[in-house]
Amino acid sequence: MVNNTLHNINALINQVDKSVIGQPHVIKALVIGLLTKGHVLLEGLPGTAKTRSVKSLADTMSATFGRVQFTPDLLPSDITGTIQYQDNNGTPLLTFQQGPLFNNLVLADEINRAPAKVQAALLEAMAESTVTVGDTSHQLDEIFMVLATQNPVEQEGTYPLPEAQMDRFMMKVNVDYPDDNAELDIIRLVRSEEESTTGTEKKAQQKIDPKQFLTARKQVSEIKVSEVVERYMVALVMATRHPQRYPDSPLSTWIKTGSSPRASIALDKCARAHAWLAGRDHVLPDDVRSVAHSVLSHRITLSYDALADDVDGKEVVNTLLDCVLIG
């Protein structure tokens, strides 16, 4: 039987891939975030299409889109909204003016530039899907995802994200520079877009209803996971907490603090979403390995020795996958 929802979402991925050259793993991660009702952190240098990826996804799925440029002087009310005073024929009236968080997709650009109060307001939205202003809590839409970006190089004027907030991101995706062929395709794509705005009318793109992701989430929840795969996911997470179990590897000298139980939950959800996108009704170990880097790398605190040796989260997860065996 043809799964129309799966067909439409895969068509969405293909459509966004045409607008964002050389970053297919980013688009797939964003879709997995929507399928798992999670949030995604994009880390990469400027100009690597982080913002373009999010905007293209929002446009292709006809979702409402909000963008916040995080700066050191940002206030919580700048993202949550504020209570405004109005004079209604001599009667004072207080109304709530919604902020950019009240959208389906919210781009938190350079999230690590905002101070702690703003991070706390964002954390509530990410964790509870609510925004509290005054003594009133406002519910966010069912289709709600925070897509945050941060620059890994520039450190001046930035605030490191606390571990609790990092843990709230379902996935962290590294966005690298494109290769030679992709760079050439980018030049041609931008040139064609400029021609379409000055010449012939741009061809209308087929868009999907964001509510299809609600149907997709139900289907993802029905994906089967065997006990062998479940134990494999647990073993990966436990290896981050008890690296001494693998004395022949450098894990014990690299890992300072392991992953929380949210890592196990995220592995399960993302692996099921990955299997669903592949058209399967069950999870394979390869599904777990495919999402392991994005799920685990930001949930591991590296030791001083690892930082001194320029060991990053990617290398740690690679070693985990090599050490932890299935079954």
Protein backbone atom coordinates (compact mmCIF):
# COMPACT_ATOMS: atom_id res chain seq x y z
CA MET A 1 0.00 0.00 0.00
CA VAL A 2 1.30 3.45 -0.93
CA ASN A 3 2.01 5.70 2.06
CA ASN A 4 0.99 9.15 0.83
CA THR A 5 2.36 10.90 3.91
CA LEU A 6 5.79 9.31 3.48
CA HIS A 7 5.73 10.11 -0.23
CA ASN A 8 4.88 13.77 0.42
CA ILE A 9 7.54 14.26 3.10
CA ASN A 10 10.23 12.63 0.98
CA ALA A 11 9.12 14.91 -1.86
CA LEU A 12 9.54 17.85 0.52
CA ILE A 13 13.11 16.73 1.31
CA ASN A 14 13.91 16.50 -2.39
CA GLN A 15 12.43 19.94 -3.03
CA VAL A 16 14.43 21.60 -0.25
CA ASP A 17 17.58 19.82 -1.43
CA LYS A 18 17.24 21.72 -4.71
CA SER A 19 17.35 25.04 -2.84
CA VAL A 20 20.15 24.09 -0.45
CA ILE A 21 23.13 22.65 -2.31
CA GLY A 22 25.57 20.24 -0.71
CA GLN A 23 23.84 19.86 2.68
CA PRO A 24 21.48 16.85 2.37
CA HIS A 25 22.25 15.68 5.92
CA VAL A 26 21.07 19.03 7.29
CA ILE A 27 17.69 18.84 5.56
CA LYS A 28 17.18 15.26 6.70
CA ALA A 29 18.02 16.21 10.29
CA LEU A 30 15.51 19.07 10.22
CA VAL A 31 12.78 16.72 8.99
CA ILE A 32 13.69 14.13 11.63
CA GLY A 33 13.38 16.93 14.20
CA LEU A 34 9.83 17.63 13.01
CA LEU A 35 8.97 13.92 12.98
CA THR A 36 10.20 13.46 16.57
CA LYS A 37 8.82 16.74 17.94
CA GLY A 38 12.37 17.78 18.76
CA HIS A 39 14.64 20.77 18.28
CA VAL A 40 17.80 21.00 16.19
CA LEU A 41 21.05 22.90 16.73
CA LEU A 42 23.02 23.75 13.59
CA GLU A 43 26.69 24.52 14.12
CA GLY A 44 28.78 25.83 11.27
CA LEU A 45 30.78 28.71 9.88
CA PRO A 46 29.05 31.73 8.31
CA GLY A 47 27.73 31.26 4.79
CA THR A 48 27.08 27.52 5.03
CA ALA A 49 23.33 27.86 4.31
CA LYS A 50 22.11 27.30 7.88
CA THR A 51 19.50 30.07 7.69
CA ARG A 52 18.64 29.24 4.08
CA SER A 53 17.96 25.61 5.02
CA VAL A 54 15.43 26.59 7.67
CA LYS A 55 13.70 29.21 5.51
CA SER A 56 13.49 26.84 2.54
CA LEU A 57 11.94 24.14 4.74
CA ALA A 58 9.36 26.56 6.15
CA ASP A 59 8.46 27.84 2.69
CA THR A 60 8.14 24.38 1.16
CA MET A 61 5.80 23.13 3.89
CA SER A 62 3.74 26.35 4.12
CA ALA A 63 4.66 26.76 7.77
CA THR A 64 4.75 30.01 9.70
CA PHE A 65 8.32 31.15 10.23
CA GLY A 66 9.85 33.35 12.91
CA ARG A 67 13.44 34.53 13.04
CA VAL A 68 15.27 36.03 16.01
CA GLN A 69 18.78 37.43 15.75
CA PHE A 70 20.22 36.75 19.19
CA THR A 71 22.33 39.58 20.56
CA PRO A 72 23.73 40.40 24.05
CA ASP A 73 21.07 43.09 24.61
CA LEU A 74 18.12 40.81 23.74
CA LEU A 75 15.32 40.64 26.33
CA PRO A 76 13.01 37.67 27.06
CA SER A 77 10.00 39.71 25.91
CA ASP A 78 11.67 40.13 22.51
CA ILE A 79 11.07 36.44 21.81
CA THR A 80 8.05 35.57 23.98
CA GLY A 81 5.94 38.66 23.39
CA THR A 82 4.72 41.33 25.75
CA ILE A 83 1.59 42.68 27.42
CA GLN A 84 0.53 45.97 25.85
CA TYR A 85 -1.70 48.69 27.25
CA GLN A 86 -4.54 49.95 25.05
CA ASP A 87 -7.19 52.58 25.62
CA ASN A 88 -10.56 51.16 24.55
CA ASN A 89 -12.98 54.12 24.64
CA GLY A 90 -11.65 55.26 27.97
CA THR A 91 -11.38 51.75 29.37
CA PRO A 92 -7.84 50.45 29.97
CA LEU A 93 -7.24 47.15 28.21
CA LEU A 94 -4.25 44.86 28.49
CA THR A 95 -3.61 42.60 25.51
CA PHE A 96 -0.89 40.06 24.84
CA GLN A 97 1.17 40.71 21.72
CA GLN A 98 2.70 37.42 20.60
CA GLY A 99 6.43 37.21 19.94
CA PRO A 100 8.28 35.23 17.27
CA LEU A 101 8.08 32.02 19.32
CA PHE A 102 4.46 31.72 18.22
CA ASN A 103 5.36 30.20 14.85
CA ASN A 104 5.76 26.66 13.52
CA LEU A 105 9.48 27.03 12.83
CA VAL A 106 11.57 29.43 14.89
CA LEU A 107 15.11 30.27 13.82
CA ALA A 108 17.26 31.28 16.78
CA ASP A 109 20.20 32.76 14.90
CA GLU A 110 23.52 32.77 16.80
CA ILE A 111 21.80 31.46 19.90
CA ASN A 112 24.95 31.56 22.02
CA ARG A 113 25.05 35.39 21.89
CA ALA A 114 22.04 35.88 24.17
CA PRO A 115 22.27 36.17 27.98
CA ALA A 116 20.90 33.69 30.51
CA LYS A 117 17.44 35.27 30.94
CA VAL A 118 16.68 34.90 27.25
CA GLN A 119 18.01 31.34 27.25
CA ALA A 120 15.69 30.52 30.16
CA ALA A 121 12.65 31.85 28.29
CA LEU A 122 13.60 29.84 25.22
CA LEU A 123 14.18 26.73 27.34
CA GLU A 124 10.60 26.81 28.62
CA ALA A 125 9.27 26.91 25.07
CA MET A 126 11.55 24.07 24.02
CA ALA A 127 10.80 21.87 27.02
CA GLU A 128 7.13 22.55 27.69
CA SER A 129 5.81 24.05 24.41
CA THR A 130 4.46 26.94 26.47
CA VAL A 131 5.31 30.61 26.95
CA THR A 132 4.64 32.24 30.31
CA VAL A 133 4.13 36.00 30.41
CA GLY A 134 3.05 37.47 33.73
CA ASP A 135 0.87 34.86 35.41
CA THR A 136 -0.50 33.38 32.18
CA SER A 137 0.90 30.44 30.21
CA HIS A 138 0.25 30.38 26.47
CA GLN A 139 0.30 27.08 24.55
CA LEU A 140 2.39 26.88 21.39
CA ASP A 141 1.29 25.15 18.19
CA GLU A 142 1.53 21.36 17.84
CA ILE A 143 3.95 21.90 14.95
CA PHE A 144 6.66 23.82 16.78
CA MET A 145 10.41 23.46 16.43
CA VAL A 146 13.34 25.63 17.42
CA LEU A 147 16.18 25.60 14.91
CA ALA A 148 19.18 27.27 16.48
CA THR A 149 22.47 28.20 14.86
CA GLN A 150 25.83 28.94 16.40
CA ASN A 151 29.27 29.80 15.08
CA PRO A 152 31.97 27.41 16.42
CA VAL A 153 34.85 29.80 15.75
CA GLU A 154 33.98 33.30 16.96
CA GLN A 155 33.94 33.29 20.77
CA GLU A 156 34.01 36.99 21.70
CA GLY A 157 30.64 38.18 22.97
CA THR A 158 29.17 34.69 23.23
CA TYR A 159 27.64 32.77 26.11
CA PRO A 160 28.28 29.00 26.20
CA LEU A 161 24.97 27.15 26.21
CA PRO A 162 24.37 25.38 29.53
CA GLU A 163 24.35 21.58 29.50
CA ALA A 164 20.65 21.51 30.40
CA GLN A 165 19.77 23.50 27.30
CA MET A 166 22.11 21.53 25.05
CA ASP A 167 20.37 18.38 26.27
CA ARG A 168 17.03 19.81 25.11
CA PHE A 169 18.15 19.76 21.49
CA MET A 170 17.15 16.46 19.94
CA MET A 171 20.02 16.71 17.46
CA LYS A 172 23.10 18.79 16.82
CA VAL A 173 24.25 18.94 13.21
CA ASN A 174 27.63 20.16 12.00
CA VAL A 175 27.37 22.15 8.78
CA ASP A 176 30.59 22.06 6.78
CA TYR A 177 31.76 23.96 3.71
CA PRO A 178 30.61 22.41 0.39
CA ASP A 179 32.99 20.58 -1.94
CA ASP A 180 34.12 21.81 -5.38
CA ASN A 181 31.14 20.54 -7.37
CA ALA A 182 28.62 21.75 -4.80
CA GLU A 183 30.27 25.19 -4.75
CA LEU A 184 29.85 25.39 -8.53
CA ASP A 185 26.20 24.37 -8.25
CA ILE A 186 25.66 27.09 -5.62
CA ILE A 187 26.96 29.76 -7.99
CA ARG A 188 24.65 28.54 -10.74
CA LEU A 189 21.66 28.28 -8.38
CA VAL A 190 22.03 31.85 -7.12
CA ARG A 191 22.48 33.10 -10.68
CA SER A 192 19.29 31.32 -11.80
CA GLU A 193 17.40 32.77 -8.83
CA GLU A 194 18.53 36.27 -9.78
CA GLU A 195 17.37 35.69 -13.35
CA SER A 196 13.98 34.45 -12.17
CA THR A 197 13.39 37.65 -10.17
CA THR A 198 14.33 39.93 -13.07
CA GLY A 199 13.02 37.89 -15.97
CA THR A 200 10.34 35.26 -16.24
CA GLU A 201 8.02 34.51 -13.37
CA LYS A 202 9.30 31.88 -10.97
CA LYS A 203 7.59 28.51 -11.26
CA ALA A 204 5.28 27.78 -8.35
CA GLN A 205 6.48 25.05 -6.00
CA GLN A 206 4.24 22.32 -4.67
CA LYS A 207 3.82 22.70 -0.92
CA ILE A 208 2.57 20.32 1.74
CA ASP A 209 0.34 20.97 4.73
CA PRO A 210 2.35 21.07 7.99
CA LYS A 211 -0.38 18.95 9.59
CA GLN A 212 0.88 16.00 7.56
CA PHE A 213 3.69 15.83 10.09
CA LEU A 214 1.10 15.02 12.77
CA THR A 215 0.05 11.96 10.75
CA ALA A 216 3.70 11.11 10.17
CA ARG A 217 4.47 11.30 13.91
CA LYS A 218 1.77 8.72 14.60
CA GLN A 219 3.25 6.41 11.97
CA VAL A 220 6.76 6.88 13.37
CA SER A 221 5.52 5.92 16.84
CA GLU A 222 4.33 2.59 15.38
CA ILE A 223 7.77 1.64 14.02
CA LYS A 224 8.98 -1.56 15.73
CA VAL A 225 12.26 -1.81 17.62
CA SER A 226 13.65 -5.24 18.52
CA GLU A 227 15.20 -5.94 21.91
CA VAL A 228 18.60 -6.42 20.27
CA VAL A 229 18.47 -2.88 18.83
CA GLU A 230 17.14 -1.51 22.12
CA ARG A 231 20.08 -3.01 24.02
CA TYR A 232 22.45 -1.63 21.39
CA MET A 233 21.14 1.90 21.96
CA VAL A 234 21.45 1.50 25.73
CA ALA A 235 24.99 0.14 25.37
CA LEU A 236 26.02 3.19 23.33
CA VAL A 237 24.71 5.58 25.98
CA MET A 238 26.17 3.54 28.84
CA ALA A 239 29.57 3.62 27.14
CA THR A 240 29.55 7.40 27.54
CA ARG A 241 28.88 7.06 31.28
CA HIS A 242 31.15 4.09 31.96
CA PRO A 243 33.96 4.34 29.39
CA GLN A 244 36.16 2.22 31.62
CA ARG A 245 34.22 -0.78 30.33
CA TYR A 246 36.33 -0.43 27.19
CA PRO A 247 39.90 -0.33 28.56
CA ASP A 248 41.47 -0.82 25.13
CA SER A 249 40.01 2.47 23.89
CA PRO A 250 40.83 6.08 24.83
CA LEU A 251 37.20 6.78 25.84
CA SER A 252 37.95 6.98 29.57
CA THR A 253 40.51 9.74 28.99
CA TRP A 254 38.28 11.65 26.55
CA ILE A 255 34.91 11.69 28.35
CA LYS A 256 34.38 13.81 31.45
CA THR A 257 30.59 13.47 31.71
CA GLY A 258 28.38 11.04 29.80
CA SER A 259 24.96 11.41 28.23
CA SER A 260 21.71 11.69 30.17
CA PRO A 261 18.67 9.39 29.72
CA ARG A 262 17.40 11.92 27.17
CA ALA A 263 20.10 10.56 24.86
CA SER A 264 18.54 7.09 24.95
CA ILE A 265 15.10 8.53 24.28
CA ALA A 266 16.42 10.67 21.43
CA LEU A 267 18.30 7.71 19.89
CA ASP A 268 15.11 5.67 19.91
CA LYS A 269 12.96 8.43 18.41
CA CYS A 270 15.45 9.49 15.74
CA ALA A 271 16.25 5.91 14.73
CA ARG A 272 12.54 5.20 14.27
CA ALA A 273 12.12 8.37 12.21
CA HIS A 274 15.15 7.41 10.10
CA ALA A 275 13.67 3.95 9.48
CA TRP A 276 10.28 5.46 8.58
CA LEU A 277 11.85 7.80 6.03
CA ALA A 278 13.50 4.74 4.46
CA GLY A 279 10.08 3.11 4.12
CA ARG A 280 10.62 0.39 6.73
CA ASP A 281 8.38 -0.64 9.63
CA HIS A 282 11.30 -1.65 11.88
CA VAL A 283 14.59 -0.18 13.06
CA LEU A 284 17.93 -1.58 11.95
CA PRO A 285 21.26 -1.04 13.75
CA ASP A 286 22.28 1.09 10.75
CA ASP A 287 19.44 3.51 11.61
CA VAL A 288 20.92 3.93 15.09
CA ARG A 289 24.41 4.48 13.71
CA SER A 290 23.10 7.00 11.17
CA VAL A 291 21.71 9.29 13.88
CA ALA A 292 24.26 8.56 16.64
CA HIS A 293 26.57 11.50 15.86
CA SER A 294 23.76 14.06 15.83
CA VAL A 295 22.18 12.68 19.00
CA LEU A 296 25.22 11.96 21.18
CA SER A 297 28.03 14.38 20.27
CA HIS A 298 26.55 17.43 22.05
CA ARG A 299 25.52 15.39 25.09
CA ILE A 300 29.08 14.36 25.95
CA THR A 301 31.30 16.65 28.00
CA LEU A 302 34.89 16.29 26.85
CA SER A 303 37.78 16.10 29.28
CA TYR A 304 40.71 18.52 29.35
CA ASP A 305 42.91 15.84 27.77
CA ALA A 306 40.52 15.51 24.84
CA LEU A 307 40.36 19.27 24.30
CA ALA A 308 44.14 19.54 24.54
CA ASP A 309 44.50 16.85 21.87
CA ASP A 310 41.89 18.51 19.60
CA VAL A 311 39.54 15.55 19.99
CA ASP A 312 35.94 16.56 19.18
CA GLY A 313 32.56 14.93 19.74
CA LYS A 314 32.60 13.38 16.28
CA GLU A 315 35.77 11.43 17.00
CA VAL A 316 34.42 10.29 20.36
CA VAL A 317 31.21 8.96 18.78
CA ASN A 318 33.22 7.26 16.03
CA THR A 319 35.18 5.45 18.73
CA LEU A 320 31.97 4.55 20.54
CA LEU A 321 30.54 3.00 17.38
CA ASP A 322 33.75 1.03 16.89
CA CYS A 323 33.85 -0.26 20.47
CA VAL A 324 30.19 -1.06 21.18
CA LEU A 325 29.09 -4.26 19.47
CA ILE A 326 25.58 -5.40 18.67
CA GLY A 327 24.12 -8.24 20.69
